[in-house]
Amino acid sequence: MRKDDILGLNLDHYPRQSFGAGDVVLSDGSETDRMLVVIDGRLGIDHAGKPLGPGDIVKSIEFFGASHYAGEVRGSGPGQVAVLPRGAVRACLDAQGAMTWNLACALAIEAIAASKEHV
């Protein structure tokens, strides 16, 4: 997958958000009204060991399966994320198949429920 093309969406068509080391890119409790995709740099997620890098989608399970993001996401150094509105992601998945959006949401909801069972 090319880092400038996620889910069939050309990231050059969407706004960018720049960040530096320690900057909060996504606040705990933020509404899941946008998908963030790392363009450059690295992001660290609360309670996660592996940082996110170019081409990674930030908290995709929560984007599809929850109304709010849980935990903070901070820059590990300078970088940028593309900000994709929920409507654009949904339209792209709907164009790929009538049930694609619904399936993505259902799988994410199941993943969230399963993670809560193991806590």
N, C-alpha and C. Protein backbone atom coordinates (compact mmCIF):
# COMPACT_ATOMS: atom_id res chain seq x y z
N MET A 1 0.84 -1.17 0.00
CA MET A 1 0.00 0.00 0.00
C MET A 1 0.90 1.24 0.00
N ARG A 2 0.61 2.16 -0.89
CA ARG A 2 1.36 3.41 -0.92
C ARG A 2 0.86 4.33 0.19
N LYS A 3 1.77 5.07 0.79
CA LYS A 3 1.38 5.92 1.91
C LYS A 3 0.50 7.09 1.46
N ASP A 4 0.43 7.39 0.16
CA ASP A 4 -0.42 8.49 -0.30
C ASP A 4 -1.77 8.00 -0.80
N ASP A 5 -2.06 6.71 -0.63
CA ASP A 5 -3.32 6.13 -1.09
C ASP A 5 -3.80 5.11 -0.07
N ILE A 6 -4.79 5.47 0.74
CA ILE A 6 -5.32 4.61 1.79
C ILE A 6 -6.78 4.33 1.47
N LEU A 7 -7.17 3.07 1.49
CA LEU A 7 -8.56 2.68 1.24
C LEU A 7 -9.06 3.20 -0.11
N GLY A 8 -8.16 3.46 -1.03
CA GLY A 8 -8.55 3.98 -2.33
C GLY A 8 -8.70 5.50 -2.35
N LEU A 9 -8.36 6.16 -1.28
CA LEU A 9 -8.44 7.62 -1.20
C LEU A 9 -7.05 8.23 -1.37
N ASN A 10 -6.93 9.19 -2.27
CA ASN A 10 -5.67 9.89 -2.46
C ASN A 10 -5.51 10.91 -1.34
N LEU A 11 -4.55 10.73 -0.48
CA LEU A 11 -4.38 11.57 0.69
C LEU A 11 -3.99 13.00 0.35
N ASP A 12 -3.54 13.24 -0.87
CA ASP A 12 -3.19 14.60 -1.29
C ASP A 12 -4.42 15.51 -1.34
N HIS A 13 -5.62 14.93 -1.34
CA HIS A 13 -6.85 15.71 -1.44
C HIS A 13 -7.41 16.12 -0.07
N TYR A 14 -6.73 15.77 1.00
CA TYR A 14 -7.25 16.01 2.35
C TYR A 14 -6.30 16.89 3.15
N PRO A 15 -6.85 17.62 4.13
CA PRO A 15 -6.00 18.50 4.94
C PRO A 15 -4.95 17.71 5.73
N ARG A 16 -3.89 18.41 6.06
CA ARG A 16 -2.81 17.82 6.86
C ARG A 16 -2.74 18.53 8.20
N GLN A 17 -2.33 17.79 9.20
CA GLN A 17 -2.09 18.34 10.53
C GLN A 17 -0.64 18.04 10.88
N SER A 18 0.13 19.08 11.13
CA SER A 18 1.53 18.90 11.51
C SER A 18 1.64 18.71 13.02
N PHE A 19 2.69 18.02 13.44
CA PHE A 19 2.92 17.81 14.87
C PHE A 19 4.41 17.76 15.14
N GLY A 20 4.76 18.00 16.39
CA GLY A 20 6.13 17.90 16.86
C GLY A 20 6.22 16.90 18.00
N ALA A 21 7.40 16.72 18.51
CA ALA A 21 7.61 15.78 19.62
C ALA A 21 6.77 16.21 20.82
N GLY A 22 5.96 15.29 21.32
CA GLY A 22 5.13 15.55 22.49
C GLY A 22 3.79 16.21 22.19
N ASP A 23 3.58 16.69 20.98
CA ASP A 23 2.31 17.33 20.63
C ASP A 23 1.18 16.31 20.63
N VAL A 24 0.04 16.69 21.19
CA VAL A 24 -1.14 15.83 21.17
C VAL A 24 -1.76 15.92 19.78
N VAL A 25 -1.82 14.79 19.10
CA VAL A 25 -2.41 14.73 17.76
C VAL A 25 -3.87 14.33 17.85
N LEU A 26 -4.18 13.50 18.83
CA LEU A 26 -5.55 13.04 19.05
C LEU A 26 -5.77 12.95 20.55
N SER A 27 -6.73 13.72 21.04
CA SER A 27 -7.01 13.77 22.48
C SER A 27 -7.89 12.61 22.90
N ASP A 28 -7.71 12.18 24.13
CA ASP A 28 -8.59 11.17 24.72
C ASP A 28 -10.01 11.71 24.71
N GLY A 29 -10.95 10.91 24.21
CA GLY A 29 -12.35 11.31 24.18
C GLY A 29 -12.77 12.06 22.93
N SER A 30 -11.84 12.28 21.99
CA SER A 30 -12.20 12.96 20.74
C SER A 30 -13.22 12.14 19.97
N GLU A 31 -14.16 12.83 19.34
CA GLU A 31 -15.17 12.16 18.53
C GLU A 31 -14.51 11.48 17.33
N THR A 32 -15.04 10.33 16.94
CA THR A 32 -14.48 9.58 15.80
C THR A 32 -15.09 10.09 14.49
N ASP A 33 -15.00 11.39 14.28
CA ASP A 33 -15.55 12.01 13.08
C ASP A 33 -14.52 12.15 11.96
N ARG A 34 -13.30 11.69 12.23
CA ARG A 34 -12.22 11.76 11.24
C ARG A 34 -11.25 10.62 11.44
N MET A 35 -10.67 10.19 10.33
CA MET A 35 -9.63 9.16 10.36
C MET A 35 -8.30 9.87 10.14
N LEU A 36 -7.31 9.53 10.94
CA LEU A 36 -5.98 10.10 10.77
C LEU A 36 -5.06 9.05 10.18
N VAL A 37 -4.27 9.47 9.19
CA VAL A 37 -3.30 8.60 8.54
C VAL A 37 -1.94 9.28 8.62
N VAL A 38 -0.95 8.56 9.14
CA VAL A 38 0.39 9.13 9.27
C VAL A 38 1.01 9.29 7.88
N ILE A 39 1.46 10.52 7.60
CA ILE A 39 2.15 10.81 6.34
C ILE A 39 3.66 10.76 6.56
N ASP A 40 4.11 11.48 7.55
CA ASP A 40 5.54 11.54 7.91
C ASP A 40 5.66 11.52 9.43
N GLY A 41 6.78 11.01 9.90
CA GLY A 41 7.05 11.02 11.33
C GLY A 41 6.51 9.79 12.04
N ARG A 42 6.50 9.87 13.36
CA ARG A 42 6.05 8.76 14.20
C ARG A 42 5.11 9.29 15.27
N LEU A 43 4.14 8.44 15.62
CA LEU A 43 3.19 8.75 16.68
C LEU A 43 3.25 7.66 17.74
N GLY A 44 3.11 8.07 18.98
CA GLY A 44 3.03 7.13 20.08
C GLY A 44 1.62 7.13 20.65
N ILE A 45 1.11 5.95 20.97
CA ILE A 45 -0.24 5.79 21.52
C ILE A 45 -0.12 5.34 22.96
N ASP A 46 -0.95 5.97 23.84
CA ASP A 46 -0.98 5.55 25.24
C ASP A 46 -1.15 4.04 25.33
N HIS A 47 -0.36 3.39 26.15
CA HIS A 47 -0.47 1.95 26.46
C HIS A 47 -0.21 1.05 25.25
N ALA A 48 0.49 1.54 24.25
CA ALA A 48 0.85 0.71 23.09
C ALA A 48 2.36 0.78 22.92
N GLY A 49 2.98 -0.35 22.66
CA GLY A 49 4.43 -0.39 22.54
C GLY A 49 4.97 0.07 21.21
N LYS A 50 4.28 -0.25 20.13
CA LYS A 50 4.81 0.03 18.81
C LYS A 50 4.32 1.38 18.30
N PRO A 51 5.25 2.28 17.92
CA PRO A 51 4.82 3.56 17.37
C PRO A 51 4.23 3.39 15.97
N LEU A 52 3.41 4.35 15.58
CA LEU A 52 2.84 4.36 14.23
C LEU A 52 3.73 5.18 13.32
N GLY A 53 3.84 4.74 12.06
CA GLY A 53 4.67 5.44 11.09
C GLY A 53 3.92 5.67 9.79
N PRO A 54 4.62 6.16 8.78
CA PRO A 54 3.99 6.50 7.50
C PRO A 54 3.14 5.35 6.95
N GLY A 55 1.90 5.71 6.57
CA GLY A 55 0.96 4.74 6.01
C GLY A 55 0.05 4.12 7.05
N ASP A 56 0.35 4.28 8.33
CA ASP A 56 -0.48 3.69 9.38
C ASP A 56 -1.72 4.54 9.64
N ILE A 57 -2.83 3.85 9.87
CA ILE A 57 -4.08 4.50 10.26
C ILE A 57 -4.12 4.54 11.78
N VAL A 58 -4.44 5.70 12.33
CA VAL A 58 -4.46 5.90 13.78
C VAL A 58 -5.78 5.38 14.35
N LYS A 59 -5.69 4.39 15.25
CA LYS A 59 -6.85 3.84 15.97
C LYS A 59 -8.01 3.49 15.04
N SER A 60 -7.74 2.69 14.04
CA SER A 60 -8.77 2.34 13.05
C SER A 60 -9.94 1.58 13.66
N ILE A 61 -9.67 0.72 14.63
CA ILE A 61 -10.75 -0.04 15.26
C ILE A 61 -11.74 0.91 15.94
N GLU A 62 -11.23 1.90 16.64
CA GLU A 62 -12.10 2.87 17.29
C GLU A 62 -12.83 3.75 16.27
N PHE A 63 -12.15 4.10 15.17
CA PHE A 63 -12.80 4.90 14.13
C PHE A 63 -14.06 4.19 13.63
N PHE A 64 -13.95 2.90 13.35
CA PHE A 64 -15.08 2.15 12.80
C PHE A 64 -16.06 1.67 13.86
N GLY A 65 -15.60 1.47 15.10
CA GLY A 65 -16.45 0.80 16.07
C GLY A 65 -16.86 1.57 17.30
N ALA A 66 -16.45 2.82 17.44
CA ALA A 66 -16.78 3.57 18.65
C ALA A 66 -17.16 5.00 18.28
N SER A 67 -17.77 5.69 19.21
CA SER A 67 -18.16 7.09 18.95
C SER A 67 -17.06 8.06 19.37
N HIS A 68 -16.12 7.59 20.20
CA HIS A 68 -15.02 8.43 20.67
C HIS A 68 -13.73 7.62 20.74
N TYR A 69 -12.61 8.33 20.53
CA TYR A 69 -11.30 7.70 20.66
C TYR A 69 -10.93 7.61 22.13
N ALA A 70 -10.31 6.51 22.53
CA ALA A 70 -9.86 6.33 23.89
C ALA A 70 -8.34 6.42 23.93
N GLY A 71 -7.82 7.21 24.84
CA GLY A 71 -6.37 7.37 24.96
C GLY A 71 -5.85 8.48 24.08
N GLU A 72 -4.68 8.93 24.42
CA GLU A 72 -4.06 10.05 23.73
C GLU A 72 -3.06 9.53 22.69
N VAL A 73 -2.90 10.27 21.61
CA VAL A 73 -1.89 9.98 20.59
C VAL A 73 -1.01 11.22 20.50
N ARG A 74 0.31 11.01 20.65
CA ARG A 74 1.26 12.12 20.63
C ARG A 74 2.35 11.91 19.59
N GLY A 75 2.86 13.01 19.10
CA GLY A 75 3.99 12.95 18.18
C GLY A 75 5.25 12.52 18.89
N SER A 76 6.04 11.68 18.23
CA SER A 76 7.33 11.26 18.77
C SER A 76 8.45 12.13 18.21
N GLY A 77 8.12 13.02 17.32
CA GLY A 77 9.03 13.92 16.64
C GLY A 77 8.22 14.67 15.61
N PRO A 78 8.85 15.45 14.76
CA PRO A 78 8.08 16.19 13.77
C PRO A 78 7.45 15.26 12.73
N GLY A 79 6.27 15.63 12.27
CA GLY A 79 5.59 14.84 11.24
C GLY A 79 4.26 15.44 10.85
N GLN A 80 3.50 14.67 10.07
CA GLN A 80 2.19 15.10 9.59
C GLN A 80 1.25 13.91 9.50
N VAL A 81 -0.03 14.20 9.72
CA VAL A 81 -1.09 13.23 9.46
C VAL A 81 -2.05 13.84 8.46
N ALA A 82 -2.67 12.99 7.64
CA ALA A 82 -3.77 13.42 6.78
C ALA A 82 -5.05 13.23 7.59
N VAL A 83 -5.99 14.16 7.44
CA VAL A 83 -7.24 14.14 8.17
C VAL A 83 -8.37 13.85 7.19
N LEU A 84 -8.91 12.62 7.27
CA LEU A 84 -9.98 12.20 6.36
C LEU A 84 -11.32 12.25 7.08
N PRO A 85 -12.27 13.03 6.60
CA PRO A 85 -13.58 13.07 7.24
C PRO A 85 -14.28 11.72 7.15
N ARG A 86 -15.07 11.40 8.17
CA ARG A 86 -15.81 10.13 8.22
C ARG A 86 -16.61 9.93 6.93
N GLY A 87 -17.27 10.97 6.45
CA GLY A 87 -18.09 10.85 5.24
C GLY A 87 -17.30 10.41 4.02
N ALA A 88 -16.07 10.89 3.88
CA ALA A 88 -15.24 10.50 2.73
C ALA A 88 -14.85 9.04 2.82
N VAL A 89 -14.50 8.58 4.02
CA VAL A 89 -14.13 7.17 4.20
C VAL A 89 -15.34 6.29 3.93
N ARG A 90 -16.48 6.68 4.45
CA ARG A 90 -17.69 5.87 4.24
C ARG A 90 -18.06 5.81 2.76
N ALA A 91 -18.02 6.94 2.08
CA ALA A 91 -18.36 6.97 0.65
C ALA A 91 -17.42 6.07 -0.15
N CYS A 92 -16.14 6.08 0.20
CA CYS A 92 -15.17 5.24 -0.50
C CYS A 92 -15.48 3.76 -0.28
N LEU A 93 -15.76 3.37 0.97
CA LEU A 93 -16.06 1.97 1.25
C LEU A 93 -17.40 1.56 0.65
N ASP A 94 -18.39 2.44 0.69
CA ASP A 94 -19.69 2.14 0.07
C ASP A 94 -19.53 1.90 -1.44
N ALA A 95 -18.62 2.64 -2.07
CA ALA A 95 -18.39 2.48 -3.51
C ALA A 95 -17.73 1.14 -3.82
N GLN A 96 -17.05 0.54 -2.83
CA GLN A 96 -16.39 -0.74 -3.04
C GLN A 96 -17.35 -1.92 -2.90
N GLY A 97 -18.51 -1.67 -2.31
CA GLY A 97 -19.50 -2.73 -2.13
C GLY A 97 -20.54 -2.27 -1.13
N ALA A 98 -21.76 -2.67 -1.36
CA ALA A 98 -22.87 -2.19 -0.54
C ALA A 98 -22.69 -2.46 0.95
N MET A 99 -22.05 -3.54 1.30
CA MET A 99 -21.91 -3.92 2.71
C MET A 99 -20.53 -3.66 3.29
N THR A 100 -19.62 -3.08 2.54
CA THR A 100 -18.24 -2.92 3.00
C THR A 100 -18.15 -2.05 4.25
N TRP A 101 -18.82 -0.90 4.26
CA TRP A 101 -18.80 -0.03 5.44
C TRP A 101 -19.38 -0.77 6.65
N ASN A 102 -20.55 -1.39 6.45
CA ASN A 102 -21.20 -2.10 7.55
C ASN A 102 -20.33 -3.23 8.09
N LEU A 103 -19.67 -3.94 7.21
CA LEU A 103 -18.79 -5.02 7.64
C LEU A 103 -17.61 -4.49 8.45
N ALA A 104 -16.99 -3.41 7.98
CA ALA A 104 -15.87 -2.81 8.72
C ALA A 104 -16.31 -2.39 10.12
N CYS A 105 -17.48 -1.77 10.21
CA CYS A 105 -17.99 -1.34 11.52
C CYS A 105 -18.30 -2.54 12.42
N ALA A 106 -18.93 -3.55 11.86
CA ALA A 106 -19.28 -4.74 12.65
C ALA A 106 -18.03 -5.44 13.18
N LEU A 107 -17.02 -5.58 12.35
CA LEU A 107 -15.77 -6.22 12.78
C LEU A 107 -15.08 -5.40 13.88
N ALA A 108 -15.12 -4.09 13.75
CA ALA A 108 -14.49 -3.23 14.76
C ALA A 108 -15.24 -3.32 16.09
N ILE A 109 -16.56 -3.31 16.02
CA ILE A 109 -17.36 -3.42 17.25
C ILE A 109 -17.07 -4.75 17.94
N GLU A 110 -16.96 -5.82 17.18
CA GLU A 110 -16.64 -7.13 17.74
C GLU A 110 -15.25 -7.13 18.37
N ALA A 111 -14.29 -6.49 17.72
CA ALA A 111 -12.92 -6.42 18.26
C ALA A 111 -12.90 -5.64 19.57
N ILE A 112 -13.65 -4.57 19.66
CA ILE A 112 -13.72 -3.78 20.89
C ILE A 112 -14.35 -4.60 22.00
N ALA A 113 -15.44 -5.30 21.70
CA ALA A 113 -16.11 -6.13 22.69
C ALA A 113 -15.18 -7.25 23.18
N ALA A 114 -14.45 -7.87 22.26
CA ALA A 114 -13.53 -8.95 22.63
C ALA A 114 -12.40 -8.43 23.52
N SER A 115 -11.91 -7.23 23.24
CA SER A 115 -10.82 -6.68 24.06
C SER A 115 -11.30 -6.37 25.48
N LYS A 116 -12.54 -5.99 25.63
CA LYS A 116 -13.09 -5.71 26.96
C LYS A 116 -13.32 -6.99 27.76
N GLU A 117 -13.58 -8.09 27.08
CA GLU A 117 -13.76 -9.36 27.75
C GLU A 117 -12.47 -9.88 28.36
N HIS A 118 -11.34 -9.51 27.79
CA HIS A 118 -10.03 -10.00 28.25
C HIS A 118 -9.37 -9.10 29.27
N VAL A 119 -10.07 -8.08 29.72
CA VAL A 119 -9.48 -7.14 30.68
C VAL A 119 -9.69 -7.62 32.09
